[in-house]
């Protein structure tokens, strides 16, 4: 089975989270092993409710300003999880 990992590094506000959930619903019909790595805690919870494999990292950053060290920690968290999941396709 093909392993697919979709990453959302930014905060998702408004209706964009509905698109991620719709994407999951469409892709799960394709017999793929789909995982999500998201920064938005609410999106993470909604994906879990739908039965998705979702991994949450970091904190929601409402003001969209972060220091370089915070950004670097987020990038390291992403790299670690990607290596752990070892997907065939990374989006």
N, C-alpha and C. Protein backbone atom coordinates (compact mmCIF):
# COMPACT_ATOMS: atom_id res chain seq x y z
N UNK A 1 0.84 -1.17 0.00
CA UNK A 1 0.00 0.00 0.00
C UNK A 1 0.89 1.24 0.00
N UNK A 2 0.52 2.22 -0.78
CA UNK A 2 1.26 3.46 -0.91
C UNK A 2 1.04 4.34 0.31
N UNK A 3 2.13 4.79 0.95
CA UNK A 3 2.05 5.66 2.13
C UNK A 3 2.15 7.12 1.69
N UNK A 4 1.16 7.91 2.08
CA UNK A 4 1.10 9.33 1.71
C UNK A 4 1.07 10.16 2.99
N UNK A 5 1.92 11.18 3.05
CA UNK A 5 1.94 12.09 4.19
C UNK A 5 1.68 13.50 3.68
N UNK A 6 0.64 14.15 4.20
CA UNK A 6 0.32 15.53 3.87
C UNK A 6 0.67 16.40 5.06
N UNK A 7 1.42 17.47 4.81
CA UNK A 7 1.87 18.35 5.89
C UNK A 7 1.24 19.72 5.74
N UNK A 8 0.73 20.23 6.86
CA UNK A 8 0.26 21.61 6.92
C UNK A 8 1.06 22.29 8.02
N UNK A 9 2.02 23.13 7.61
CA UNK A 9 2.88 23.80 8.58
C UNK A 9 2.24 25.05 9.13
N UNK A 10 1.38 25.69 8.36
CA UNK A 10 0.76 26.93 8.79
C UNK A 10 -0.49 26.71 9.61
N UNK A 11 -0.95 27.77 10.20
CA UNK A 11 -2.23 27.73 10.91
C UNK A 11 -3.34 27.80 9.86
N UNK A 12 -4.38 27.05 10.05
CA UNK A 12 -5.50 27.04 9.11
C UNK A 12 -6.69 27.68 9.79
N UNK A 13 -7.19 28.74 9.19
CA UNK A 13 -8.34 29.45 9.74
C UNK A 13 -9.48 29.43 8.72
N UNK A 14 -10.67 29.67 9.19
CA UNK A 14 -11.82 29.76 8.28
C UNK A 14 -12.21 28.41 7.74
N UNK A 15 -12.49 28.35 6.45
CA UNK A 15 -13.00 27.13 5.83
C UNK A 15 -11.94 26.19 5.31
N UNK A 16 -10.67 26.56 5.40
CA UNK A 16 -9.62 25.73 4.83
C UNK A 16 -9.56 24.35 5.48
N UNK A 17 -9.89 24.26 6.76
CA UNK A 17 -9.84 22.94 7.42
C UNK A 17 -10.86 21.99 6.82
N UNK A 18 -11.99 22.52 6.33
CA UNK A 18 -12.98 21.67 5.66
C UNK A 18 -12.39 21.04 4.41
N UNK A 19 -11.52 21.78 3.72
CA UNK A 19 -10.88 21.24 2.52
C UNK A 19 -9.94 20.09 2.86
N UNK A 20 -9.23 20.19 3.97
CA UNK A 20 -8.34 19.10 4.39
C UNK A 20 -9.17 17.85 4.72
N UNK A 21 -10.27 18.04 5.39
CA UNK A 21 -11.13 16.91 5.74
C UNK A 21 -11.73 16.29 4.49
N UNK A 22 -12.17 17.11 3.55
CA UNK A 22 -12.72 16.62 2.29
C UNK A 22 -11.64 15.86 1.51
N UNK A 23 -10.43 16.39 1.51
CA UNK A 23 -9.32 15.71 0.85
C UNK A 23 -9.10 14.33 1.45
N UNK A 24 -9.12 14.24 2.78
CA UNK A 24 -8.97 12.94 3.43
C UNK A 24 -10.08 11.99 2.99
N UNK A 25 -11.32 12.47 2.98
CA UNK A 25 -12.45 11.62 2.60
C UNK A 25 -12.32 11.12 1.16
N UNK A 26 -11.82 11.96 0.27
CA UNK A 26 -11.62 11.55 -1.12
C UNK A 26 -10.47 10.55 -1.26
N UNK A 27 -9.38 10.81 -0.57
CA UNK A 27 -8.20 9.96 -0.71
C UNK A 27 -8.36 8.60 -0.04
N UNK A 28 -9.12 8.53 1.05
CA UNK A 28 -9.24 7.25 1.75
C UNK A 28 -9.95 6.21 0.89
N UNK A 29 -10.71 6.67 -0.10
CA UNK A 29 -11.38 5.75 -1.02
C UNK A 29 -10.41 5.14 -2.03
N UNK A 30 -9.20 5.68 -2.12
CA UNK A 30 -8.21 5.23 -3.09
C UNK A 30 -7.30 4.13 -2.56
N UNK A 31 -7.61 3.59 -1.40
CA UNK A 31 -6.82 2.52 -0.80
C UNK A 31 -5.37 2.94 -0.59
N UNK A 32 -5.20 4.12 0.01
CA UNK A 32 -3.89 4.64 0.34
C UNK A 32 -3.74 4.70 1.86
N UNK A 33 -2.52 4.58 2.33
CA UNK A 33 -2.22 4.76 3.75
C UNK A 33 -1.91 6.24 3.94
N UNK A 34 -2.89 7.02 4.39
CA UNK A 34 -2.78 8.47 4.45
C UNK A 34 -2.54 8.92 5.88
N UNK A 35 -1.56 9.80 6.04
CA UNK A 35 -1.29 10.43 7.33
C UNK A 35 -1.22 11.94 7.13
N UNK A 36 -1.57 12.65 8.18
CA UNK A 36 -1.49 14.11 8.17
C UNK A 36 -0.56 14.55 9.29
N UNK A 37 0.26 15.54 9.01
CA UNK A 37 1.11 16.17 10.01
C UNK A 37 0.71 17.64 10.02
N UNK A 38 0.02 18.06 11.08
CA UNK A 38 -0.57 19.40 11.09
C UNK A 38 -0.16 20.21 12.31
N UNK A 39 -0.20 21.50 12.13
CA UNK A 39 0.16 22.42 13.21
C UNK A 39 -1.07 22.95 13.93
N UNK A 40 -2.22 22.87 13.31
CA UNK A 40 -3.45 23.38 13.88
C UNK A 40 -4.12 22.29 14.71
N UNK A 41 -4.26 22.53 16.01
CA UNK A 41 -4.78 21.50 16.92
C UNK A 41 -6.24 21.14 16.61
N UNK A 42 -7.05 22.13 16.24
CA UNK A 42 -8.45 21.84 15.94
C UNK A 42 -8.57 20.96 14.70
N UNK A 43 -7.78 21.25 13.67
CA UNK A 43 -7.78 20.41 12.47
C UNK A 43 -7.34 19.00 12.83
N UNK A 44 -6.31 18.88 13.65
CA UNK A 44 -5.82 17.57 14.10
C UNK A 44 -6.95 16.77 14.75
N UNK A 45 -7.69 17.40 15.65
CA UNK A 45 -8.78 16.70 16.35
C UNK A 45 -9.88 16.29 15.38
N UNK A 46 -10.21 17.16 14.43
CA UNK A 46 -11.26 16.83 13.46
C UNK A 46 -10.84 15.69 12.55
N UNK A 47 -9.58 15.66 12.17
CA UNK A 47 -9.09 14.55 11.35
C UNK A 47 -9.14 13.24 12.12
N UNK A 48 -8.77 13.28 13.38
CA UNK A 48 -8.86 12.07 14.21
C UNK A 48 -10.30 11.59 14.33
N UNK A 49 -11.23 12.52 14.50
CA UNK A 49 -12.65 12.17 14.59
C UNK A 49 -13.12 11.46 13.33
N UNK A 50 -12.55 11.83 12.18
CA UNK A 50 -12.93 11.22 10.90
C UNK A 50 -12.22 9.90 10.66
N UNK A 51 -11.30 9.54 11.56
CA UNK A 51 -10.60 8.27 11.43
C UNK A 51 -9.25 8.39 10.73
N UNK A 52 -8.78 9.60 10.53
CA UNK A 52 -7.49 9.80 9.87
C UNK A 52 -6.35 9.58 10.84
N UNK A 53 -5.19 9.23 10.30
CA UNK A 53 -3.96 9.21 11.10
C UNK A 53 -3.43 10.63 11.06
N UNK A 54 -3.50 11.31 12.17
CA UNK A 54 -3.06 12.70 12.22
C UNK A 54 -2.07 12.86 13.35
N UNK A 55 -1.03 13.62 13.07
CA UNK A 55 0.00 13.91 14.06
C UNK A 55 0.04 15.42 14.23
N UNK A 56 0.04 15.86 15.47
CA UNK A 56 0.04 17.29 15.79
C UNK A 56 1.41 17.70 16.28
N UNK A 57 1.87 18.85 15.81
CA UNK A 57 3.13 19.37 16.32
C UNK A 57 3.00 20.87 16.54
N UNK A 58 3.75 21.38 17.47
CA UNK A 58 3.79 22.81 17.70
C UNK A 58 2.52 23.35 18.31
N UNK A 59 2.44 24.65 18.34
CA UNK A 59 1.28 25.34 18.88
C UNK A 59 0.67 26.19 17.79
N UNK A 60 -0.62 26.47 17.91
CA UNK A 60 -1.25 27.39 16.98
C UNK A 60 -0.62 28.76 17.16
N UNK A 61 -0.23 29.35 16.08
CA UNK A 61 0.46 30.64 16.14
C UNK A 61 -0.45 31.70 15.54
N UNK A 62 -1.31 32.26 16.36
CA UNK A 62 -2.34 33.17 15.88
C UNK A 62 -1.76 34.45 15.29
N UNK A 63 -0.73 34.98 15.89
CA UNK A 63 -0.20 36.26 15.40
C UNK A 63 0.71 36.09 14.19
N UNK A 64 1.00 34.88 13.79
CA UNK A 64 1.80 34.54 12.61
C UNK A 64 3.24 35.03 12.68
N UNK A 65 3.67 35.51 13.83
CA UNK A 65 5.06 35.91 13.99
C UNK A 65 5.73 34.92 14.93
N UNK A 66 6.83 34.37 14.48
CA UNK A 66 7.56 33.46 15.33
C UNK A 66 9.04 33.75 15.19
N UNK A 67 9.76 33.45 16.20
CA UNK A 67 11.20 33.67 16.14
C UNK A 67 11.83 32.59 15.28
N UNK A 68 13.05 32.85 14.86
CA UNK A 68 13.76 31.87 14.05
C UNK A 68 13.94 30.56 14.81
N UNK A 69 14.20 30.65 16.12
CA UNK A 69 14.40 29.42 16.89
C UNK A 69 13.11 28.61 16.98
N UNK A 70 11.94 29.28 17.07
CA UNK A 70 10.67 28.55 17.06
C UNK A 70 10.46 27.88 15.71
N UNK A 71 10.74 28.60 14.64
CA UNK A 71 10.60 28.05 13.30
C UNK A 71 11.52 26.84 13.11
N UNK A 72 12.75 26.98 13.57
CA UNK A 72 13.72 25.89 13.44
C UNK A 72 13.25 24.64 14.21
N UNK A 73 12.68 24.83 15.40
CA UNK A 73 12.15 23.70 16.17
C UNK A 73 11.01 23.02 15.42
N UNK A 74 10.14 23.81 14.79
CA UNK A 74 9.05 23.24 14.02
C UNK A 74 9.57 22.43 12.84
N UNK A 75 10.57 22.96 12.15
CA UNK A 75 11.15 22.25 11.01
C UNK A 75 11.78 20.95 11.47
N UNK A 76 12.47 20.97 12.59
CA UNK A 76 13.08 19.75 13.12
C UNK A 76 12.02 18.72 13.51
N UNK A 77 10.91 19.18 14.08
CA UNK A 77 9.82 18.27 14.44
C UNK A 77 9.23 17.63 13.18
N UNK A 78 9.09 18.41 12.14
CA UNK A 78 8.57 17.88 10.88
C UNK A 78 9.53 16.84 10.31
N UNK A 79 10.81 17.17 10.25
CA UNK A 79 11.80 16.23 9.70
C UNK A 79 11.81 14.92 10.48
N UNK A 80 11.73 15.00 11.79
CA UNK A 80 11.74 13.80 12.63
C UNK A 80 10.52 12.92 12.32
N UNK A 81 9.34 13.54 12.24
CA UNK A 81 8.11 12.77 12.00
C UNK A 81 8.10 12.18 10.59
N UNK A 82 8.60 12.94 9.61
CA UNK A 82 8.68 12.42 8.24
C UNK A 82 9.58 11.20 8.20
N UNK A 83 10.72 11.27 8.86
CA UNK A 83 11.63 10.12 8.90
C UNK A 83 10.98 8.93 9.60
N UNK A 84 10.21 9.20 10.63
CA UNK A 84 9.53 8.13 11.38
C UNK A 84 8.47 7.45 10.52
N UNK A 85 7.67 8.25 9.80
CA UNK A 85 6.58 7.70 8.97
C UNK A 85 7.13 7.08 7.69
N UNK A 86 8.20 7.69 7.14
CA UNK A 86 8.84 7.21 5.93
C UNK A 86 7.83 7.01 4.78
N UNK A 87 7.18 8.09 4.36
CA UNK A 87 6.14 7.97 3.33
C UNK A 87 6.74 7.74 1.93
N UNK A 88 5.93 7.16 1.06
CA UNK A 88 6.30 7.03 -0.35
C UNK A 88 6.08 8.36 -1.07
N UNK A 89 5.05 9.09 -0.65
CA UNK A 89 4.71 10.39 -1.24
C UNK A 89 4.57 11.40 -0.12
N UNK A 90 5.23 12.55 -0.28
CA UNK A 90 5.19 13.62 0.71
C UNK A 90 4.61 14.86 0.04
N UNK A 91 3.52 15.39 0.62
CA UNK A 91 2.85 16.56 0.04
C UNK A 91 2.80 17.66 1.08
